[in-house]
Protein backbone atom coordinates (compact mmCIF):
# COMPACT_ATOMS: atom_id res chain seq x y z
CA MET A 1 -6.63 -34.01 15.31
CA ASN A 2 -3.80 -33.51 12.80
CA TYR A 3 -2.79 -29.86 12.70
CA LEU A 4 0.08 -30.29 10.24
CA PRO A 5 -1.94 -29.41 7.06
CA ILE A 6 -3.36 -26.30 8.75
CA LEU A 7 0.10 -25.22 9.84
CA LEU A 8 1.55 -25.84 6.36
CA PHE A 9 -1.24 -23.90 4.73
CA ASN A 10 -0.90 -21.01 7.11
CA GLY A 11 2.87 -20.97 6.58
CA ALA A 12 2.45 -20.99 2.81
CA VAL A 13 0.00 -18.06 3.06
CA LEU A 14 2.43 -16.15 5.25
CA VAL A 15 5.37 -16.72 2.84
CA THR A 16 3.23 -15.79 -0.15
CA ILE A 17 2.10 -12.53 1.46
CA GLY A 18 5.72 -11.73 2.40
CA VAL A 19 7.05 -12.42 -1.11
CA LEU A 20 4.26 -10.36 -2.77
CA SER A 21 4.81 -7.46 -0.41
CA ALA A 22 8.57 -7.49 -0.87
CA GLY A 23 8.09 -7.64 -4.68
CA TRP A 24 5.65 -4.72 -4.69
CA TYR A 25 7.79 -2.49 -2.52
CA SER A 26 10.90 -3.37 -4.58
CA CYS A 27 9.08 -2.42 -7.77
CA VAL A 28 7.97 0.92 -6.27
CA ALA A 29 11.51 1.61 -5.02
CA PHE A 30 13.02 0.88 -8.45
CA LEU A 31 10.41 3.04 -10.11
CA PHE A 32 11.04 6.08 -7.94
CA ALA A 33 14.83 5.62 -8.20
CA SER A 34 14.71 6.90 -11.79
CA PRO A 35 15.18 10.68 -12.26
CA ARG A 36 12.30 10.81 -14.75
CA ALA A 37 9.82 9.34 -12.23
CA GLN A 38 11.15 11.65 -9.54
CA ARG A 39 10.56 14.69 -11.76
CA GLY A 40 7.06 13.51 -12.58
CA TYR A 41 6.19 12.95 -8.90
CA ARG A 42 7.57 16.41 -8.00
CA ARG A 43 5.28 17.95 -10.59
CA ILE A 44 2.09 16.28 -9.29
CA ARG A 45 3.03 16.16 -5.62
CA ARG A 46 0.96 19.16 -4.48
CA PRO A 47 -2.29 18.19 -6.31
CA LEU A 48 -1.84 14.57 -5.17
CA ASP A 49 -1.35 15.67 -1.54
CA ALA A 50 -4.37 17.94 -1.79
CA LEU A 51 -6.51 15.12 -3.25
CA CYS A 52 -5.44 12.69 -0.52
CA GLY A 53 -6.04 15.31 2.17
CA ALA A 54 -9.49 16.03 0.83
CA ALA A 55 -10.26 12.29 0.80
CA LEU A 56 -9.17 11.96 4.44
CA VAL A 57 -11.23 15.01 5.46
CA GLY A 58 -14.21 13.49 3.65
CA LEU A 59 -13.77 10.18 5.42
CA GLY A 60 -13.43 11.94 8.76
CA ALA A 61 -16.55 13.93 8.11
CA LYS A 62 -18.46 10.76 7.19
CA LEU A 63 -17.27 9.07 10.39
CA ALA A 64 -18.38 12.12 12.41
CA ALA A 65 -21.74 12.27 10.70
CA ASP A 66 -22.38 8.55 11.27
CA ARG A 67 -21.92 8.91 15.00
């Protein structure tokens, strides 16, 4: 059996995922490097943390209830 096409496909998928991830994190880093974005994040940080915390508590409660 010829495994070369499978290896090439898997390699291409791996490279694509790496490039997309690097691009996304670069965009986020450049966005948060600006003082305006940093001020905006500082303003909504507490409500955003509370929302994420409530979501995690809700997910934990659902997992506990499903047991």
